[in-house]
Amino acid sequence: MSHTNIEIKARCPAPDQVRQVLLSAGAECRGIDTQTDTYFQVPDGRLKLRQGNIENALIFYRRPNQTGPRQSDVSLYRTTPDSALAEVLLFALPVLVVVQKQREIYFLENVKFHLDTVEGLGGFVEIEAMDADGSIEIETLRRQCESFMKKLGIRRNDLFDCSYSDLLMRKETPHETTD
């Protein structure tokens, strides 16, 4: 399944406030997922195997490292927790990094929200305005993402431009950006 997201990732100093805003807006909580994302070395883009108690998938994506709402082109293959896929991938490809996190998952229509606690990095919020079937224009997705940034009180200097895997490979905490 391929789709396009417009997404942000930001430091989240007040997860209770974000949670309350989401629930007040009618977002559906899908639960708390304990996830292990194993990133593999590939010639282009990013390839990760997500193993969790809610979400399990092989995910390939291309996304620029930039702050603010950014486009991510995603191809996703859903798996099961007991899949032999991990064994095959570990045999075939070098591992770049493993990301361990607790993720609260919320949905409001086509927008997915994550409240993440990442081992070694801390707390974050992600917004993913998703177009699963090609029916939503990129600018509409961008406006949705920006609107929720405002509603959740996410400031530009809370945003960062890279993935958890990049941060862990650098073995440093995210640097705040400036407006």
Foldseek 3Di string as FASTA:
>chain_A
DKWKWFKFKFFDPDVVLLVVLCVVVPKDWPFKKWWKWWWFDDPAFTWIFIAIPRFTWIKGWHWFQDWATTMIIIDIDGDDNPDCVVVVCVVPTHTLDMKTWIWTWIDDPQKIKIFIQTVLAGTMIMIIRIDPDPPDDPVVNSVVRVVSCVSSVPDSQRTGGDDPSVCVSVSHYDHGDDD
